[in-house]
Amino acid sequence: MKRRDDEKLHLEREAISIFVNIYNRNHPVKQRLLYQQEKPDAVLQNAKRQKLGLEVTHLFFGSEEAKMLFGRSQETSCSLESLDVLVEELNKRIARKEQKINGYSHDYPVALLIRNASPVFGMSNILAVKDRIRKPQPYFTHTWFLSRDGSEEWLLKDLNDLIAADEGVN
């Protein structure tokens, strides 16, 4: 159990680091990791000393893909590698995190960071099906989606903005 907790903490810290780097390149008020904890996973602080909770989750097709990526599976491929399955899993993650937010500290606002861990689908795939993504409820200030897209570079989009923009067009 200790090994899993260490891996989870490492994955969260890596996702937070990537998020902070991209966020700070694109926003005038910079963020930094203040500390990691449970519920939410991290607390950031901006240059104005305002705190923001950050709940982190990783998007996989399912538990078998997660085990494969961590080297804990004898399987060599996932049979359900489809964009439909990924979107379904994304929608489940959003709903699950929204259900859990009541147990979080409410001393500061909380944002959700979803890191796409799938090596098969990237940001352009998600953008192509944004109309099928569950609209996040306003429990989180932002629902950030972090993903690669065919290169080593990470991209960051706020799902709230993507879905709102799509709704404005229709």
C-alpha atoms as a PDB file:
ATOM      1  CA  MET A   1       0.000   0.000   0.000  1.00  0.00           C
ATOM      2  CA  LYS A   2       2.885   2.361   0.772  1.00  0.00           C
ATOM      3  CA  ARG A   3       4.265   1.902  -2.772  1.00  0.00           C
ATOM      4  CA  ARG A   4       0.885   2.814  -4.309  1.00  0.00           C
ATOM      5  CA  ASP A   5       0.596   5.881  -2.084  1.00  0.00           C
ATOM      6  CA  ASP A   6       4.112   6.974  -3.094  1.00  0.00           C
ATOM      7  CA  GLU A   7       3.308   6.451  -6.795  1.00  0.00           C
ATOM      8  CA  LYS A   8       0.046   8.368  -6.449  1.00  0.00           C
ATOM      9  CA  LEU A   9       1.791  11.236  -4.666  1.00  0.00           C
ATOM     10  CA  HIS A  10       4.526  11.291  -7.326  1.00  0.00           C
ATOM     11  CA  LEU A  11       1.972  11.324 -10.168  1.00  0.00           C
ATOM     12  CA  GLU A  12       0.022  14.109  -8.486  1.00  0.00           C
ATOM     13  CA  ARG A  13       3.156  16.186  -7.898  1.00  0.00           C
ATOM     14  CA  GLU A  14       4.208  15.731 -11.522  1.00  0.00           C
ATOM     15  CA  ALA A  15       0.755  16.796 -12.763  1.00  0.00           C
ATOM     16  CA  ILE A  16       0.764  19.813 -10.429  1.00  0.00           C
ATOM     17  CA  SER A  17       4.231  20.846 -11.627  1.00  0.00           C
ATOM     18  CA  ILE A  18       3.184  20.631 -15.292  1.00  0.00           C
ATOM     19  CA  PHE A  19      -0.013  22.544 -14.526  1.00  0.00           C
ATOM     20  CA  VAL A  20       1.778  25.342 -12.636  1.00  0.00           C
ATOM     21  CA  ASN A  21       4.377  25.751 -15.405  1.00  0.00           C
ATOM     22  CA  ILE A  22       1.748  26.053 -18.153  1.00  0.00           C
ATOM     23  CA  TYR A  23      -0.550  28.204 -16.036  1.00  0.00           C
ATOM     24  CA  ASN A  24       2.240  30.627 -15.157  1.00  0.00           C
ATOM     25  CA  ARG A  25       3.258  31.019 -18.819  1.00  0.00           C
ATOM     26  CA  ASN A  26      -0.283  32.044 -19.698  1.00  0.00           C
ATOM     27  CA  HIS A  27      -1.497  34.107 -16.738  1.00  0.00           C
ATOM     28  CA  PRO A  28      -0.136  37.326 -15.214  1.00  0.00           C
ATOM     29  CA  VAL A  29      -0.746  36.295 -11.579  1.00  0.00           C
ATOM     30  CA  LYS A  30       1.610  33.367 -10.947  1.00  0.00           C
ATOM     31  CA  GLN A  31       0.817  30.260  -8.905  1.00  0.00           C
ATOM     32  CA  ARG A  32       3.106  28.039  -6.850  1.00  0.00           C
ATOM     33  CA  LEU A  33       2.621  24.793  -4.979  1.00  0.00           C
ATOM     34  CA  LEU A  34       2.257  25.616  -1.302  1.00  0.00           C
ATOM     35  CA  TYR A  35       1.806  22.015  -0.089  1.00  0.00           C
ATOM     36  CA  GLN A  36       0.288  18.647  -0.922  1.00  0.00           C
ATOM     37  CA  GLN A  37      -2.398  17.074   1.229  1.00  0.00           C
ATOM     38  CA  GLU A  38      -5.597  15.057   0.947  1.00  0.00           C
ATOM     39  CA  LYS A  39      -8.941  16.583   0.004  1.00  0.00           C
ATOM     40  CA  PRO A  40      -7.931  18.505  -2.074  1.00  0.00           C
ATOM     41  CA  ASP A  41      -4.644  17.005  -3.231  1.00  0.00           C
ATOM     42  CA  ALA A  42      -2.738  20.275  -3.238  1.00  0.00           C
ATOM     43  CA  VAL A  43      -2.934  23.886  -2.181  1.00  0.00           C
ATOM     44  CA  LEU A  44      -1.514  26.503  -4.506  1.00  0.00           C
ATOM     45  CA  GLN A  45      -0.840  30.102  -3.638  1.00  0.00           C
ATOM     46  CA  ASN A  46      -0.671  32.957  -6.103  1.00  0.00           C
ATOM     47  CA  ALA A  47       1.528  36.039  -6.044  1.00  0.00           C
ATOM     48  CA  LYS A  48      -1.276  37.891  -4.228  1.00  0.00           C
ATOM     49  CA  ARG A  49      -1.133  35.231  -1.462  1.00  0.00           C
ATOM     50  CA  GLN A  50      -4.570  33.836  -2.379  1.00  0.00           C
ATOM     51  CA  LYS A  51      -4.962  30.080  -1.963  1.00  0.00           C
ATOM     52  CA  LEU A  52      -6.482  27.651  -4.419  1.00  0.00           C
ATOM     53  CA  GLY A  53      -7.130  23.995  -3.723  1.00  0.00           C
ATOM     54  CA  LEU A  54      -6.307  21.630  -6.567  1.00  0.00           C
ATOM     55  CA  GLU A  55      -7.879  18.195  -6.814  1.00  0.00           C
ATOM     56  CA  VAL A  56      -5.901  15.989  -9.217  1.00  0.00           C
ATOM     57  CA  THR A  57      -7.097  12.937 -11.101  1.00  0.00           C
ATOM     58  CA  HIS A  58      -5.597  10.895 -13.926  1.00  0.00           C
ATOM     59  CA  LEU A  59      -7.643   9.733 -16.873  1.00  0.00           C
ATOM     60  CA  PHE A  60      -7.136   6.148 -18.042  1.00  0.00           C
ATOM     61  CA  PHE A  61      -9.394   3.876 -20.099  1.00  0.00           C
ATOM     62  CA  GLY A  62      -9.790   1.811 -16.986  1.00  0.00           C
ATOM     63  CA  SER A  63      -7.960   0.001 -14.244  1.00  0.00           C
ATOM     64  CA  GLU A  64      -6.173  -2.421 -16.593  1.00  0.00           C
ATOM     65  CA  GLU A  65      -4.605   0.422 -18.593  1.00  0.00           C
ATOM     66  CA  ALA A  66      -3.524   2.102 -15.355  1.00  0.00           C
ATOM     67  CA  LYS A  67      -1.915  -1.161 -14.201  1.00  0.00           C
ATOM     68  CA  MET A  68      -0.134  -1.515 -17.566  1.00  0.00           C
ATOM     69  CA  LEU A  69       1.294   1.999 -17.367  1.00  0.00           C
ATOM     70  CA  PHE A  70       2.576   1.278 -13.853  1.00  0.00           C
ATOM     71  CA  GLY A  71       4.051  -2.066 -14.879  1.00  0.00           C
ATOM     72  CA  ARG A  72       1.631  -4.069 -12.728  1.00  0.00           C
ATOM     73  CA  SER A  73      -0.129  -5.958 -15.514  1.00  0.00           C
ATOM     74  CA  GLN A  74       0.807  -8.969 -17.597  1.00  0.00           C
ATOM     75  CA  GLU A  75      -1.342  -7.622 -20.455  1.00  0.00           C
ATOM     76  CA  THR A  76       0.377  -5.937 -23.391  1.00  0.00           C
ATOM     77  CA  SER A  77      -2.584  -4.028 -24.805  1.00  0.00           C
ATOM     78  CA  CYS A  78      -6.008  -2.769 -23.813  1.00  0.00           C
ATOM     79  CA  SER A  79      -8.867  -4.115 -25.850  1.00  0.00           C
ATOM     80  CA  LEU A  80     -11.155  -1.128 -25.244  1.00  0.00           C
ATOM     81  CA  GLU A  81      -8.994   1.631 -26.698  1.00  0.00           C
ATOM     82  CA  SER A  82     -11.702   3.822 -28.180  1.00  0.00           C
ATOM     83  CA  LEU A  83     -12.466   7.488 -27.852  1.00  0.00           C
ATOM     84  CA  ASP A  84     -15.997   6.611 -26.714  1.00  0.00           C
ATOM     85  CA  VAL A  85     -14.592   4.676 -23.750  1.00  0.00           C
ATOM     86  CA  LEU A  86     -12.216   7.521 -22.876  1.00  0.00           C
ATOM     87  CA  VAL A  87     -15.006  10.130 -22.959  1.00  0.00           C
ATOM     88  CA  GLU A  88     -17.198   7.862 -20.837  1.00  0.00           C
ATOM     89  CA  GLU A  89     -14.371   7.504 -18.305  1.00  0.00           C
ATOM     90  CA  LEU A  90     -13.762  11.285 -18.365  1.00  0.00           C
ATOM     91  CA  ASN A  91     -17.436  11.937 -17.628  1.00  0.00           C
ATOM     92  CA  LYS A  92     -17.349   9.414 -14.758  1.00  0.00           C
ATOM     93  CA  ARG A  93     -14.251  11.094 -13.279  1.00  0.00           C
ATOM     94  CA  ILE A  94     -15.885  14.524 -13.380  1.00  0.00           C
ATOM     95  CA  ALA A  95     -19.062  13.214 -11.705  1.00  0.00           C
ATOM     96  CA  ARG A  96     -17.099  11.255  -9.083  1.00  0.00           C
ATOM     97  CA  LYS A  97     -14.975  14.263  -8.135  1.00  0.00           C
ATOM     98  CA  GLU A  98     -18.052  16.495  -7.912  1.00  0.00           C
ATOM     99  CA  GLN A  99     -19.639  14.035  -5.477  1.00  0.00           C
ATOM    100  CA  LYS A 100     -16.555  14.091  -3.247  1.00  0.00           C
ATOM    101  CA  ILE A 101     -16.018  17.856  -3.021  1.00  0.00           C
ATOM    102  CA  ASN A 102     -18.254  18.271   0.043  1.00  0.00           C
ATOM    103  CA  GLY A 103     -15.576  16.529   2.108  1.00  0.00           C
ATOM    104  CA  TYR A 104     -12.885  19.023   1.054  1.00  0.00           C
ATOM    105  CA  SER A 105     -11.630  22.069   2.896  1.00  0.00           C
ATOM    106  CA  HIS A 106     -13.744  25.086   2.073  1.00  0.00           C
ATOM    107  CA  ASP A 107     -11.254  27.640   3.366  1.00  0.00           C
ATOM    108  CA  TYR A 108     -10.425  28.445  -0.263  1.00  0.00           C
ATOM    109  CA  PRO A 109     -11.846  27.711  -3.722  1.00  0.00           C
ATOM    110  CA  VAL A 110     -10.980  24.387  -5.358  1.00  0.00           C
ATOM    111  CA  ALA A 111     -10.195  23.588  -9.003  1.00  0.00           C
ATOM    112  CA  LEU A 112     -10.116  20.161 -10.644  1.00  0.00           C
ATOM    113  CA  LEU A 113      -7.135  19.041 -12.739  1.00  0.00           C
ATOM    114  CA  ILE A 114      -7.646  16.024 -15.006  1.00  0.00           C
ATOM    115  CA  ARG A 115      -4.417  14.717 -16.508  1.00  0.00           C
ATOM    116  CA  ASN A 116      -4.893  12.566 -19.584  1.00  0.00           C
ATOM    117  CA  ALA A 117      -2.610   9.573 -19.113  1.00  0.00           C
ATOM    118  CA  SER A 118      -3.719   7.835 -22.289  1.00  0.00           C
ATOM    119  CA  PRO A 119      -0.890   7.314 -24.779  1.00  0.00           C
ATOM    120  CA  VAL A 120      -3.459   6.763 -27.555  1.00  0.00           C
ATOM    121  CA  PHE A 121      -5.691   9.860 -27.475  1.00  0.00           C
ATOM    122  CA  GLY A 122      -4.638  13.483 -27.049  1.00  0.00           C
ATOM    123  CA  MET A 123      -6.019  16.989 -26.758  1.00  0.00           C
ATOM    124  CA  SER A 124      -7.215  17.211 -30.381  1.00  0.00           C
ATOM    125  CA  ASN A 125      -9.318  14.062 -29.852  1.00  0.00           C
ATOM    126  CA  ILE A 126     -10.950  15.604 -26.785  1.00  0.00           C
ATOM    127  CA  LEU A 127     -11.572  18.882 -28.608  1.00  0.00           C
ATOM    128  CA  ALA A 128     -13.240  16.953 -31.435  1.00  0.00           C
ATOM    129  CA  VAL A 129     -15.785  15.427 -29.038  1.00  0.00           C
ATOM    130  CA  LYS A 130     -16.193  18.297 -26.580  1.00  0.00           C
ATOM    131  CA  ASP A 131     -19.965  18.241 -27.168  1.00  0.00           C
ATOM    132  CA  ARG A 132     -20.044  14.753 -25.554  1.00  0.00           C
ATOM    133  CA  ILE A 133     -18.205  15.804 -22.401  1.00  0.00           C
ATOM    134  CA  ARG A 134     -20.362  16.133 -19.308  1.00  0.00           C
ATOM    135  CA  LYS A 135     -20.784  19.790 -18.414  1.00  0.00           C
ATOM    136  CA  PRO A 136     -18.986  20.285 -15.085  1.00  0.00           C
ATOM    137  CA  GLN A 137     -21.156  21.615 -12.281  1.00  0.00           C
ATOM    138  CA  PRO A 138     -19.944  24.839 -10.613  1.00  0.00           C
ATOM    139  CA  TYR A 139     -18.457  23.020  -7.593  1.00  0.00           C
ATOM    140  CA  PHE A 140     -14.944  23.645  -8.900  1.00  0.00           C
ATOM    141  CA  THR A 141     -13.712  27.068 -10.001  1.00  0.00           C
ATOM    142  CA  HIS A 142     -12.161  25.451 -13.081  1.00  0.00           C
ATOM    143  CA  THR A 143     -12.069  21.980 -14.557  1.00  0.00           C
ATOM    144  CA  TRP A 144      -8.630  21.888 -16.167  1.00  0.00           C
ATOM    145  CA  PHE A 145      -7.761  19.214 -18.727  1.00  0.00           C
ATOM    146  CA  LEU A 146      -4.054  18.487 -19.186  1.00  0.00           C
ATOM    147  CA  SER A 147      -3.005  16.400 -22.165  1.00  0.00           C
ATOM    148  CA  ARG A 148      -0.384  15.822 -24.778  1.00  0.00           C
ATOM    149  CA  ASP A 149      -1.243  15.775 -28.453  1.00  0.00           C
ATOM    150  CA  GLY A 150       1.251  13.741 -30.436  1.00  0.00           C
ATOM    151  CA  SER A 151       4.336  15.397 -28.965  1.00  0.00           C
ATOM    152  CA  GLU A 152       6.101  15.743 -25.629  1.00  0.00           C
ATOM    153  CA  GLU A 153       4.499  19.151 -25.047  1.00  0.00           C
ATOM    154  CA  TRP A 154       1.650  19.344 -22.551  1.00  0.00           C
ATOM    155  CA  LEU A 155      -1.442  21.412 -23.343  1.00  0.00           C
ATOM    156  CA  LEU A 156      -3.938  22.838 -20.848  1.00  0.00           C
ATOM    157  CA  LYS A 157      -7.593  23.688 -21.469  1.00  0.00           C
ATOM    158  CA  ASP A 158     -10.423  24.587 -19.117  1.00  0.00           C
ATOM    159  CA  LEU A 159     -13.313  22.234 -19.901  1.00  0.00           C
ATOM    160  CA  ASN A 160     -15.750  24.807 -18.512  1.00  0.00           C
ATOM    161  CA  ASP A 161     -14.645  27.304 -21.181  1.00  0.00           C
ATOM    162  CA  LEU A 162     -14.636  24.710 -23.970  1.00  0.00           C
ATOM    163  CA  ILE A 163     -18.147  23.543 -23.242  1.00  0.00           C
ATOM    164  CA  ALA A 164     -19.473  27.084 -22.653  1.00  0.00           C
ATOM    165  CA  ALA A 165     -17.994  28.212 -25.983  1.00  0.00           C
ATOM    166  CA  ASP A 166     -19.585  25.232 -27.715  1.00  0.00           C
ATOM    167  CA  GLU A 167     -22.976  25.997 -26.117  1.00  0.00           C
ATOM    168  CA  GLY A 168     -22.698  29.635 -27.225  1.00  0.00           C
ATOM    169  CA  VAL A 169     -22.313  28.578 -30.844  1.00  0.00           C
ATOM    170  CA  ASN A 170     -25.457  26.422 -30.905  1.00  0.00           C
END
